[in-house]
Amino acid sequence: MKYGLNMRSIKSNQVDRADIVFRGRMKRTPFLDHPAFQYSFKTSGFTRYKFGAVSGPSIIIDNLYHEISHAIDFVLCGDDIEARTLGGRYNFKVKMIAINGQLYEQVETDQCTMRECRVFAIQMKLRHMLGYKTSLDFMAAEYARLTIWLPDWFLVEGSNQSERVAWCKNHIIKLYHQYEEQQLCDAFQIWLDTIEGLNKEDMAA
């Protein structure tokens, strides 16, 4: 899924250049040389303890920021990092129900959408920390449109799609202003330190 925000899909022969751009941005933080900070332009999500830039057929740097933001959100929410990364990948739990032998997502709350709103807000704060100049309003609007694909999005406040998207946009902006840069840096440091230990344990097993 493309995130817009002038984040063009990267072709395979442009990966080296994209890596230079990404590393240049991340040099503004103390995390680039952390042993646990691993990423790939060939994988998606968070797998094998690596953040991935791939989403569907697209390779986009912003996907890396999104996965990093999930890690920060887990720490800020007090989640058990080991449980969230069993097998070296993110584990998101959605209640399932069997109907005629088929499994379907059974959503009872809007926790998935609320999580993504938090992550989008962190992602926007992170982008600004890394020197991106994209306006807050534009980013929030772009990310809010993506929430319609979440399984519990229909539980968000609003009677139609435009009202729900508008609510998500405003909520993302509200969350953005609640986060502090140092707070996000401290959370990511905790994540990396914890993941480093978990990865070593997995390799030794």
Protein backbone atom coordinates (compact mmCIF):
# COMPACT_ATOMS: atom_id res chain seq x y z
CA MET A 1 0.00 0.00 0.00
CA LYS A 2 1.46 3.35 -0.97
CA TYR A 3 1.45 6.01 1.70
CA GLY A 4 1.65 8.98 -0.66
CA LEU A 5 3.41 11.98 0.89
CA ASN A 6 5.72 12.16 -2.15
CA MET A 7 6.96 8.69 -1.21
CA ARG A 8 7.34 7.15 -4.66
CA SER A 9 7.61 3.41 -5.00
CA ILE A 10 11.27 2.44 -5.30
CA LYS A 11 12.38 0.24 -8.18
CA SER A 12 14.76 -2.63 -7.46
CA ASN A 13 17.64 -0.81 -9.16
CA GLN A 14 17.07 2.22 -6.92
CA VAL A 15 17.43 0.41 -3.61
CA ASP A 16 21.06 1.45 -3.08
CA ARG A 17 20.10 5.10 -3.52
CA ALA A 18 17.08 4.68 -1.23
CA ASP A 19 19.33 3.15 1.41
CA ILE A 20 21.61 6.19 1.28
CA VAL A 21 18.59 8.48 1.69
CA PHE A 22 17.20 6.45 4.59
CA ARG A 23 20.52 6.26 6.41
CA GLY A 24 21.03 9.96 5.88
CA ARG A 25 17.73 10.67 7.60
CA MET A 26 18.35 8.21 10.43
CA LYS A 27 21.73 9.78 11.17
CA ARG A 28 19.74 12.49 12.92
CA THR A 29 19.02 9.86 15.60
CA PRO A 30 21.35 7.77 17.78
CA PHE A 31 19.91 4.48 16.50
CA LEU A 32 21.54 3.87 13.14
CA ASP A 33 24.51 2.00 14.60
CA HIS A 34 22.58 0.07 17.25
CA PRO A 35 23.22 -3.69 16.74
CA ALA A 36 19.49 -4.42 16.81
CA PHE A 37 18.55 -1.77 14.25
CA GLN A 38 18.12 -3.91 11.17
CA TYR A 39 16.05 -3.16 8.09
CA SER A 40 15.53 -4.46 4.59
CA PHE A 41 14.26 -3.21 1.26
CA LYS A 42 13.28 -6.79 0.39
CA THR A 43 10.91 -7.67 3.24
CA SER A 44 7.67 -6.31 4.67
CA GLY A 45 6.45 -5.56 8.17
CA PHE A 46 8.76 -6.71 10.94
CA THR A 47 10.19 -10.16 10.27
CA ARG A 48 13.36 -11.88 11.45
CA TYR A 49 13.90 -8.86 13.68
CA LYS A 50 14.12 -6.58 10.65
CA PHE A 51 11.95 -3.62 9.66
CA GLY A 52 10.78 -3.97 6.06
CA ALA A 53 10.17 -1.36 3.36
CA VAL A 54 7.99 -3.59 1.17
CA SER A 55 4.20 -3.35 1.08
CA GLY A 56 2.48 -5.36 -1.62
CA PRO A 57 4.36 -4.73 -4.88
CA SER A 58 5.85 -1.47 -3.63
CA ILE A 59 9.09 -0.56 -1.88
CA ILE A 60 8.65 2.68 0.06
CA ILE A 61 10.89 4.29 2.67
CA ASP A 62 7.87 5.49 4.61
CA ASN A 63 6.99 1.85 5.29
CA LEU A 64 10.15 1.64 7.39
CA TYR A 65 9.03 4.62 9.46
CA HIS A 66 5.65 2.99 9.93
CA GLU A 67 7.12 -0.26 11.24
CA ILE A 68 9.50 1.65 13.53
CA SER A 69 6.48 3.57 14.84
CA HIS A 70 4.73 0.31 15.72
CA ALA A 71 7.75 -0.64 17.82
CA ILE A 72 7.63 2.69 19.65
CA ASP A 73 3.89 2.31 20.23
CA PHE A 74 4.33 -1.14 21.78
CA VAL A 75 6.75 0.31 24.33
CA LEU A 76 4.63 3.37 25.11
CA CYS A 77 1.59 1.14 25.65
CA GLY A 78 3.51 -1.10 28.02
CA ASP A 79 3.12 -4.20 25.85
CA ASP A 80 5.20 -7.31 26.44
CA ILE A 81 7.83 -6.95 23.71
CA GLU A 82 8.76 -10.63 23.81
CA ALA A 83 5.12 -11.65 23.28
CA ARG A 84 4.70 -9.08 20.53
CA THR A 85 7.73 -10.40 18.63
CA LEU A 86 7.51 -14.18 18.96
CA GLY A 87 9.40 -15.71 16.07
CA GLY A 88 11.12 -12.40 15.34
CA ARG A 89 7.99 -10.80 13.85
CA TYR A 90 5.13 -8.60 14.96
CA ASN A 91 2.16 -10.43 16.43
CA PHE A 92 -1.17 -8.65 16.21
CA LYS A 93 -4.14 -10.41 17.76
CA VAL A 94 -7.66 -10.12 16.40
CA LYS A 95 -10.41 -12.35 17.75
CA MET A 96 -11.52 -14.93 15.17
CA ILE A 97 -14.83 -16.76 14.81
CA ALA A 98 -15.58 -19.86 12.75
CA ILE A 99 -18.63 -19.80 10.47
CA ASN A 100 -19.31 -22.85 8.34
CA GLY A 101 -15.72 -23.93 8.76
CA GLN A 102 -14.27 -20.56 7.72
CA LEU A 103 -12.43 -18.21 10.09
CA TYR A 104 -13.50 -14.56 10.13
CA GLU A 105 -12.32 -11.56 12.15
CA GLN A 106 -14.71 -10.80 14.99
CA VAL A 107 -14.19 -7.24 16.12
CA GLU A 108 -15.89 -5.93 19.23
CA THR A 109 -13.87 -2.77 19.84
CA ASP A 110 -12.03 -0.20 17.74
CA GLN A 111 -8.62 -1.15 19.17
CA CYS A 112 -7.06 -1.87 15.75
CA THR A 113 -7.98 1.55 14.39
CA MET A 114 -6.94 3.28 17.60
CA ARG A 115 -3.57 1.53 17.43
CA GLU A 116 -3.03 2.62 13.85
CA CYS A 117 -3.99 6.19 14.71
CA ARG A 118 -1.36 6.19 17.44
CA VAL A 119 1.20 4.71 15.08
CA PHE A 120 0.40 7.25 12.35
CA ALA A 121 0.80 10.07 14.88
CA ILE A 122 4.17 8.68 15.98
CA GLN A 123 5.14 8.24 12.33
CA MET A 124 4.36 11.90 11.61
CA LYS A 125 6.36 13.03 14.64
CA LEU A 126 9.23 10.80 13.54
CA ARG A 127 9.19 12.21 10.00
CA HIS A 128 9.41 15.75 11.36
CA MET A 129 12.23 14.68 13.69
CA LEU A 130 14.07 13.36 10.62
CA GLY A 131 13.75 16.64 8.78
CA TYR A 132 10.76 16.07 6.52
CA LYS A 133 8.79 19.27 5.89
CA THR A 134 5.43 17.73 4.98
CA SER A 135 2.60 19.62 6.66
CA LEU A 136 0.90 18.06 9.65
CA ASP A 137 -2.57 18.50 8.16
CA PHE A 138 -1.63 16.85 4.87
CA MET A 139 0.04 13.87 6.53
CA ALA A 140 -2.86 13.33 8.91
CA ALA A 141 -5.35 13.43 6.03
CA GLU A 142 -3.31 10.93 3.98
CA TYR A 143 -2.90 8.49 6.85
CA ALA A 144 -6.51 8.83 7.98
CA ARG A 145 -7.68 7.63 4.57
CA LEU A 146 -5.79 4.37 5.11
CA THR A 147 -7.80 3.53 8.22
CA ILE A 148 -10.80 2.50 6.12
CA TRP A 149 -9.05 -0.84 5.45
CA LEU A 150 -8.92 -1.79 9.13
CA PRO A 151 -11.36 -4.49 10.31
CA ASP A 152 -12.88 -2.42 13.12
CA TRP A 153 -12.97 0.93 11.32
CA PHE A 154 -16.77 0.86 11.13
CA LEU A 155 -16.85 1.25 14.93
CA VAL A 156 -15.18 4.67 14.77
CA GLU A 157 -17.33 7.72 15.45
CA GLY A 158 -19.29 8.87 12.41
CA SER A 159 -22.26 7.80 10.31
CA ASN A 160 -20.44 7.52 6.97
CA GLN A 161 -16.97 7.17 5.48
CA SER A 162 -16.15 10.86 5.24
CA GLU A 163 -17.15 11.47 8.86
CA ARG A 164 -15.09 8.52 10.12
CA VAL A 165 -12.05 9.56 8.09
CA ALA A 166 -12.39 13.12 9.41
CA TRP A 167 -12.60 11.81 12.98
CA CYS A 168 -9.46 9.71 12.48
CA LYS A 169 -7.60 12.66 10.97
CA ASN A 170 -8.44 14.89 13.95
CA HIS A 171 -7.58 12.13 16.40
CA ILE A 172 -4.20 11.55 14.74
CA ILE A 173 -3.40 15.28 14.96
CA LYS A 174 -4.45 15.33 18.63
CA LEU A 175 -2.17 12.39 19.38
CA TYR A 176 0.71 13.97 17.44
CA HIS A 177 0.68 16.95 19.78
CA GLN A 178 0.69 14.68 22.84
CA TYR A 179 3.92 12.93 21.89
CA GLU A 180 7.32 14.39 22.77
CA GLU A 181 10.41 13.72 20.66
CA GLN A 182 12.49 12.55 23.62
CA GLN A 183 9.64 10.27 24.69
CA LEU A 184 9.73 8.53 21.31
CA CYS A 185 13.53 8.26 21.32
CA ASP A 186 13.53 6.74 24.81
CA ALA A 187 10.85 4.23 23.81
CA PHE A 188 12.74 3.17 20.68
CA GLN A 189 15.94 2.77 22.70
CA ILE A 190 14.11 0.40 25.05
CA TRP A 191 12.75 -1.51 22.05
CA LEU A 192 16.16 -1.94 20.41
CA ASP A 193 17.88 -2.96 23.64
CA THR A 194 15.17 -5.54 24.33
CA ILE A 195 15.15 -6.89 20.78
CA GLU A 196 18.92 -7.25 20.81
CA GLY A 197 18.63 -9.59 23.79
CA LEU A 198 15.72 -11.56 22.33
CA ASN A 199 17.49 -12.02 19.02
CA LYS A 200 20.59 -13.34 20.75
CA GLU A 201 18.47 -15.80 22.73
CA ASP A 202 16.80 -17.05 19.54
CA MET A 203 20.15 -17.50 17.81
CA ALA A 204 21.53 -19.44 20.77
CA ALA A 205 18.49 -21.73 21.00
